Structure formats: structure tokens, C-alpha cells
Protein backbone atom coordinates (compact mmCIF):
# COMPACT_ATOMS: atom_id res chain seq x y z
CA MET A 1 43.84 108.33 327.06
CA VAL A 2 40.09 107.73 327.38
CA SER A 3 38.20 110.76 328.62
CA ALA A 4 36.55 110.49 332.03
CA PHE A 5 33.90 113.03 331.07
CA ARG A 6 30.34 112.14 330.23
CA PRO A 7 28.79 113.37 326.94
CA GLN A 8 26.42 115.67 328.82
CA GLU A 9 29.37 117.45 330.43
CA ARG A 10 30.96 117.90 327.02
CA ARG A 11 27.85 119.60 325.69
CA ASN A 12 27.53 121.88 328.71
CA MET A 13 31.10 123.10 329.03
CA ASP A 14 31.73 126.82 328.77
CA ASP A 15 34.17 127.41 325.90
CA ASN A 16 34.42 131.11 326.70
CA VAL A 17 36.19 130.30 329.96
CA PHE A 18 38.00 127.05 329.29
CA GLU A 19 38.28 127.14 325.48
CA GLY A 20 37.58 123.53 324.69
CA LEU A 21 38.75 121.87 327.91
CA LEU A 22 36.47 119.07 329.05
CA VAL A 23 35.10 120.86 332.09
CA GLY A 24 31.60 120.55 333.47
CA ALA A 25 29.17 123.42 333.01
CA GLU A 26 28.90 124.04 336.77
CA GLU A 27 32.63 124.63 337.16
CA ALA A 28 32.74 126.84 334.07
CA SER A 29 29.83 128.92 335.36
CA LEU A 30 31.58 129.35 338.72
CA VAL A 31 34.62 130.87 337.00
CA THR A 32 32.35 133.11 334.94
CA GLY A 33 30.54 134.21 338.10
CA TYR A 34 33.82 134.87 339.88
CA LEU A 35 35.06 137.12 337.08
CA ALA A 36 31.70 138.90 336.75
CA GLY A 37 31.59 139.57 340.49
CA HIS A 38 34.85 141.50 340.54
CA ASP A 39 35.99 144.70 338.86
CA PHE A 40 38.91 143.10 337.06
CA SER A 41 40.51 144.70 334.02
CA PRO A 42 40.33 142.74 330.73
CA HIS A 43 44.03 141.93 331.05
CA THR A 44 43.55 140.58 334.59
CA CYS A 45 40.57 138.50 333.46
CA ARG A 46 42.67 136.91 330.72
CA ALA A 47 45.45 136.12 333.18
CA ILE A 48 43.04 134.58 335.70
CA LYS A 49 41.35 132.45 333.07
CA ASN A 50 44.70 131.28 331.75
CA ASP A 51 45.91 130.20 335.21
CA LEU A 52 42.65 128.43 336.07
CA ARG A 53 42.68 126.77 332.67
CA LYS A 54 46.19 125.44 333.31
CA PHE A 55 45.13 124.13 336.70
CA ALA A 56 42.01 122.43 335.32
CA ARG A 57 43.99 120.78 332.53
CA TRP A 58 46.67 119.55 334.92
CA PHE A 59 44.05 118.30 337.42
CA SER A 60 42.25 116.22 334.77
CA GLU A 61 45.45 114.74 333.36
CA ALA A 62 47.05 114.02 336.74
CA ASN A 63 43.96 112.55 338.40
CA ARG A 64 42.25 111.10 335.30
CA GLU A 65 38.95 112.61 336.31
CA PRO A 66 36.93 115.73 335.49
CA PHE A 67 37.90 119.01 337.08
CA VAL A 68 35.42 119.53 339.92
CA VAL A 69 36.10 122.19 342.54
CA LYS A 70 34.82 120.01 345.40
CA ARG A 71 37.38 117.35 344.48
CA VAL A 72 40.43 119.65 344.70
CA THR A 73 42.72 118.84 347.63
CA LEU A 74 45.73 120.40 349.33
CA ARG A 75 47.88 117.75 347.65
CA ASP A 76 46.56 118.78 344.23
CA VAL A 77 47.57 122.41 344.71
CA ILE A 78 51.03 121.48 346.04
CA ASP A 79 51.64 119.07 343.17
CA PHE A 80 50.44 121.65 340.63
CA ARG A 81 52.85 124.21 342.08
CA ASN A 82 55.70 121.71 341.83
CA HIS A 83 54.64 120.74 338.29
CA LEU A 84 54.84 124.35 337.10
CA HIS A 85 58.20 124.94 338.77
CA ARG A 86 59.95 121.61 338.27
CA ASP A 87 58.44 120.12 335.10
CA ARG A 88 57.46 123.21 333.12
CA ARG A 89 60.29 125.31 334.57
CA GLN A 90 58.15 128.39 334.83
CA ALA A 91 59.50 131.49 336.51
CA VAL A 92 58.91 131.85 340.23
CA ALA A 93 56.74 134.90 339.62
CA SER A 94 54.51 132.96 337.21
CA VAL A 95 54.13 130.04 339.63
CA ASN A 96 53.29 132.32 342.53
CA ARG A 97 50.78 134.28 340.46
CA ALA A 98 48.96 131.03 339.61
CA LEU A 99 48.87 130.10 343.30
CA VAL A 100 47.42 133.48 344.22
CA VAL A 101 44.74 133.11 341.52
CA ILE A 102 43.75 129.65 342.77
CA ARG A 103 43.75 130.77 346.42
CA ARG A 104 41.55 133.80 345.75
CA PHE A 105 39.17 131.79 343.57
CA PHE A 106 38.68 129.21 346.29
CA ASP A 107 38.29 131.94 348.92
CA TRP A 108 35.39 133.19 346.84
CA LEU A 109 33.97 129.67 346.57
CA VAL A 110 34.15 129.25 350.36
CA ARG A 111 32.31 132.54 350.94
CA GLY A 112 29.64 131.45 348.48
CA GLY A 113 29.21 128.06 350.12
CA GLN A 114 30.37 126.15 347.04
CA VAL A 115 33.17 124.39 348.95
CA GLU A 116 33.79 123.92 352.66
CA SER A 117 37.45 124.92 352.80
CA ASN A 118 40.19 126.46 350.67
CA PRO A 119 42.72 123.76 349.62
CA ALA A 120 45.23 126.43 348.56
CA LYS A 121 45.18 128.35 351.85
CA LEU A 122 48.18 126.56 353.38
CA VAL A 123 50.24 126.18 350.20
CA LYS A 124 53.35 128.33 350.41
CA GLU A 125 54.52 130.42 347.51
CA LEU A 126 58.03 129.89 346.17
CA ARG A 127 60.72 132.18 347.52
CA ARG A 128 63.03 134.06 345.22
CA GLN A 129 65.83 136.55 345.43
CA PRO A 130 64.42 140.03 344.73
CA LEU A 131 65.95 141.43 341.56
CA ALA A 132 65.13 144.58 339.68
CA PRO A 133 62.80 143.99 336.71
CA LYS A 134 64.74 143.94 333.47
CA GLY A 135 64.54 147.09 331.39
CA LEU A 136 66.18 148.31 328.21
CA GLU A 137 69.73 149.60 328.19
CA ARG A 138 70.46 153.08 326.85
CA ALA A 139 72.04 151.61 323.72
CA GLU A 140 68.93 149.52 323.05
CA VAL A 141 66.66 152.54 323.47
CA ARG A 142 68.88 154.47 321.06
CA ARG A 143 68.66 151.68 318.47
CA LEU A 144 64.89 151.66 318.74
CA LEU A 145 64.46 155.41 318.42
CA ARG A 146 66.98 155.55 315.57
CA GLU A 147 65.10 152.83 313.65
CA ILE A 148 61.84 154.72 314.16
CA GLU A 149 63.44 157.91 312.83
CA LEU A 150 64.87 156.15 309.78
CA ARG A 151 61.43 154.77 308.95
CA GLN A 152 59.75 158.12 309.69
CA ASP A 153 57.20 156.23 311.78
CA ILE A 154 55.79 159.21 313.64
CA ARG A 155 53.01 157.31 315.42
CA ALA A 156 55.43 154.64 316.69
CA GLY A 157 57.75 157.39 317.87
CA ALA A 158 54.93 158.97 319.88
CA ILE A 159 53.80 155.65 321.36
CA PHE A 160 57.25 154.47 322.42
CA SER A 161 58.26 157.94 323.65
CA LEU A 162 55.16 158.17 325.82
CA MET A 163 55.94 154.80 327.42
CA LEU A 164 59.65 155.57 327.80
CA TYR A 165 59.17 159.00 329.37
CA THR A 166 56.08 158.41 331.56
CA GLY A 167 56.31 154.72 332.49
CA CYS A 168 52.65 154.25 331.58
CA ARG A 169 51.02 150.86 331.24
CA VAL A 170 49.64 149.74 327.89
CA SER A 171 46.11 150.16 329.31
CA ASP A 172 46.96 153.79 330.18
CA LEU A 173 48.12 154.39 326.64
CA VAL A 174 45.19 152.87 324.74
CA ASN A 175 42.63 154.65 326.97
CA LEU A 176 44.28 158.04 326.55
CA GLU A 177 42.04 160.73 325.04
CA LEU A 178 42.89 164.07 323.49
CA PRO A 179 41.65 166.20 326.44
CA ASP A 180 44.08 164.27 328.68
CA LEU A 181 47.09 165.86 326.95
CA MET A 182 48.43 169.26 327.95
CA ILE A 183 51.38 170.23 325.78
CA GLY A 184 53.07 173.63 325.95
CA GLU A 185 56.38 175.06 324.82
CA ARG A 186 57.95 174.96 328.27
CA SER A 187 56.01 172.22 330.01
CA GLY A 188 53.44 169.50 329.53
CA SER A 189 51.60 166.73 331.30
CA VAL A 190 49.34 163.80 330.66
CA VAL A 191 46.40 162.57 332.73
CA PHE A 192 45.92 158.82 332.95
CA ARG A 193 42.30 158.56 334.02
CA HIS A 194 41.83 154.80 333.89
CA GLY A 195 44.86 153.44 335.72
CA LYS A 196 45.09 150.13 337.52
CA GLY A 197 42.47 150.00 340.25
CA ASN A 198 40.60 152.86 338.49
CA LYS A 199 43.09 155.36 339.91
CA GLN A 200 43.77 158.65 338.13
CA ARG A 201 47.18 160.29 338.07
CA THR A 202 48.86 163.22 336.35
CA VAL A 203 52.36 162.68 335.00
CA PRO A 204 54.76 165.34 333.66
CA LEU A 205 55.67 165.11 329.99
CA PRO A 206 59.38 165.84 329.31
CA LEU A 207 60.52 167.79 326.26
CA SER A 208 61.47 164.74 324.13
CA ALA A 209 58.07 163.18 324.72
CA ARG A 210 56.28 166.49 324.02
CA ARG A 211 58.06 166.83 320.69
CA ALA A 212 57.20 163.27 319.66
CA MET A 213 53.57 163.70 320.69
CA GLN A 214 53.26 167.09 318.96
CA SER A 215 54.63 165.66 315.70
CA TYR A 216 52.10 162.84 315.84
CA LEU A 217 49.15 165.10 316.73
CA GLU A 218 49.88 167.43 313.82
CA GLY A 219 49.36 164.56 311.38
CA ARG A 220 46.75 162.62 313.35
CA PRO A 221 43.65 161.78 311.27
CA SER A 222 40.70 164.02 312.07
CA ILE A 223 38.24 161.33 313.09
CA THR A 224 35.38 161.33 315.57
CA PRO A 225 36.88 159.16 318.36
CA THR A 226 38.79 161.23 320.86
CA SER A 227 41.30 158.45 321.47
CA VAL A 228 44.81 159.84 321.04
CA PHE A 229 46.25 156.90 319.13
CA VAL A 230 44.28 155.71 316.13
CA GLY A 231 44.89 153.54 313.11
CA GLU A 232 43.09 152.66 309.92
CA ARG A 233 40.41 150.72 311.82
CA GLY A 234 39.92 153.11 314.71
CA PRO A 235 41.48 153.52 318.16
CA ILE A 236 44.59 151.41 318.74
CA THR A 237 44.20 148.47 321.12
CA ASP A 238 46.64 146.74 323.45
CA CYS A 239 46.99 144.04 320.79
CA GLY A 240 48.00 146.74 318.34
CA VAL A 241 50.68 148.05 320.70
CA ARG A 242 52.02 144.53 321.24
CA ALA A 243 52.13 143.99 317.48
CA LEU A 244 54.11 147.22 317.14
CA CYS A 245 56.54 145.94 319.78
CA ARG A 246 56.99 142.68 317.87
CA LYS A 247 57.62 144.56 314.64
CA TYR A 248 60.41 146.69 316.06
CA ALA A 249 61.80 143.84 318.14
CA ALA A 250 62.42 141.97 314.90
CA LEU A 251 64.00 145.03 313.31
CA ILE A 252 66.48 145.83 316.09
CA GLY A 253 67.02 142.36 317.53
CA VAL A 254 65.86 143.25 321.06
CA HIS A 255 62.97 141.63 322.88
CA LEU A 256 60.25 144.25 323.33
CA HIS A 257 56.93 144.14 325.13
CA PRO A 258 54.85 147.04 326.50
CA HIS A 259 55.79 146.55 330.15
CA ILE A 260 59.54 146.60 329.48
CA PHE A 261 59.21 150.31 328.76
CA ARG A 262 57.69 150.85 332.22
CA HIS A 263 60.62 148.97 333.75
CA SER A 264 63.07 150.98 331.64
CA PHE A 265 61.53 154.28 332.74
CA ALA A 266 61.64 153.32 336.43
CA LYS A 267 65.23 152.16 336.24
CA GLN A 268 66.43 155.30 334.44
CA PHE A 269 64.36 157.64 336.62
CA LEU A 270 66.00 156.31 339.79
CA ALA A 271 69.46 156.47 338.23
CA ASP A 272 68.98 160.10 337.16
CA ASN A 273 67.16 161.32 340.28
CA GLY A 274 69.15 160.07 343.25
CA ASN A 275 67.04 156.98 343.85
CA ASP A 276 63.92 159.09 344.55
CA LEU A 277 61.41 156.32 345.26
CA VAL A 278 58.66 158.67 346.48
CA SER A 279 58.49 160.59 343.20
CA LEU A 280 58.70 157.40 341.16
CA ALA A 281 55.85 155.82 343.12
CA GLN A 282 53.68 158.86 342.42
CA ILE A 283 54.43 158.79 338.70
CA LEU A 284 53.86 155.04 338.39
CA GLY A 285 50.68 155.15 340.47
CA HIS A 286 51.90 152.80 343.21
CA GLU A 287 50.07 152.94 346.54
CA SER A 288 52.95 151.35 348.44
CA LEU A 289 56.65 152.16 348.31
CA ASN A 290 57.29 148.44 348.75
CA THR A 291 56.04 147.95 345.21
CA THR A 292 58.30 150.70 343.88
CA SER A 293 61.33 149.60 345.88
CA ARG A 294 61.88 146.56 343.67
CA TYR A 295 63.30 148.94 341.06
CA SER A 296 66.06 149.88 343.50
CA GLN A 297 67.26 146.27 343.59
CA ARG A 298 70.22 145.27 341.48
CA SER A 299 69.59 143.29 338.31
CA GLY A 300 71.04 139.84 337.73
CA GLU A 301 73.53 141.33 335.27
CA GLN A 302 74.66 143.93 337.81
CA LEU A 303 75.18 141.25 340.46
CA GLY A 304 77.18 139.20 337.96
CA GLU A 305 79.40 142.17 337.10
CA ALA A 306 79.95 142.87 340.79
CA ALA A 307 80.95 139.26 341.41
CA GLU A 308 83.42 139.33 338.51
CA ARG A 309 85.22 142.27 340.16
CA LEU A 310 85.86 140.19 343.25
CA SER A 311 89.47 139.08 343.75
CA TYR A 312 91.52 137.44 346.53
């Protein structure tokens, strides 16, 4: 396919935003300005750039023309939604997230006078049956903790225990500093100071988590950074935590990623505490109980088991 872009546009494209896509410099600078004008976390910025990159690539291939914001139509957004869902078979949540990103980006463009109207405003998100996010089963958690114990991986034990017993996000974990930990013989807590939306919350630390954290702290290298979790090259990053998840996923044969521990905590907390959504919302840092209530939904597996018990 012959490119519809002019050489000048190739030279001016912003690789930091579109990573090699043939996109004009003006469009690339608009995305950069949008991200710079909002207090997004690094993770959110990556997700936004990824969704806008997918849309720009699809737009250019489908229309055989450069991606220009003033050329985007309602039909483009609808067809892109259908492309993600029908052709790429992406999950409903992923498709809807991309639509929200595009809609908010164009809202910002309208306010700035870059475009006259928002082509994504009237595009409906896909509907889906609400199911509880998938977490780890007790047997899978046991396999993980047993493998950690066999390998005497004290740092991994502390990291996974903190996520399993507090439901923290990976950003909470990597930003945790030593003064944020309060560990005693009979009680303990942890302060997550840099939560989503820059919200701070204090979460109790159960005995199993306190023991794992205390074992790690006793052997923690005495280095200048006050970050709790450190490695050979300094404070651990979210990439480091994800790498640790991949390592143990391969060892125990269970798919692991940082957020699955948050789902696992929420699911087990409700099961062990009479479906106490108010307490769970406070621990997870949710402003609305509607966000927390999704954990009270049944999982796809639970619905399947219930259907199998049906008889006539």
C-alpha cells in the first residue's frame, strides 16, 4: 500500500506519542498537549496513548489517508468500535475503554477550538453482563505461596503478601516508603499516600502480611532510598513487579498479573466478611460503592456451576 503521507509529515511526526506511525506533527502535538494538560498517572498515559495509537492506525488504513482530527467522523468512530469488537475480538471492557479515551480526547479538542464537534459523543458503548472480576482461587494462592517458600524468596513473599492482604495497586506498592509501614506484634497498618486520584488511605495489615513484611525488612539492604522494595538497581518499578508475576506464573502454571491480586483480595474479603461492601470500598480506596459492588457479582464460572445444578 502506498503511503498517503507527505515526506514533510514523516519528518515532523512525534515518535514519543505514536511510535513510528505516519501521523502529522500537529496531531501528535495535540495528543502530547492533552496528556500534559491532565494529571494522569504514567499507567493511564500509556493506556491513552495506546488507544489513540490504535485508532490512528485503523483510521489511516481504513480511509487510506493521514490521521487528521478534523477529518474524523461519527462513522469512523462507530466503525472503529465494530472493528475492535468484531474483527479483533477484543473484550467489551477494552472496546469501551478505547471509546471513552477517544470521546474525552475530542471533548478536549472541542473546548480548545481544534474541532467544531465531538464525533464520538453519540457513539454508544457496548453492553455486557456484569460479572465479578476474576481472581485467584485459594488453591492457586497456596501454590504460589508454597513455591515462594520453597525458593526462600523473601522479597517475593513480602510483595505478593502485601497485594494479597491489602488489595493494593501496583502503583501503591512501588511508591511505598519505609515510614508508611507500622508493624507491631498485635497489629499493623500501611499508608498508601499516592493512590489513584492522589488519594491517601490507611489499610490494616493482617498477621500473615506483617510476618512476610517483617522477614523482608530484616534482610532489606541498607541503602539511601526510603522505598520499601528495592533490588540490585534501586527501588523496584511496576515493570519489576510484572516481571516477578511472569516468573512465578511460569513456575506454577497460573496466569498472574498485579491487578489479579487486588481482585483476589476483594473476592475473599467479601466472602469472609458477610459481603461488607462499605469496608471493602474504604480499603480499596473507592469513592463510590457502585465501583465496589462489581465484586459482589457472580463470576462466569459460578454462573456455569449454578446452571449445571439445574434439573427438570
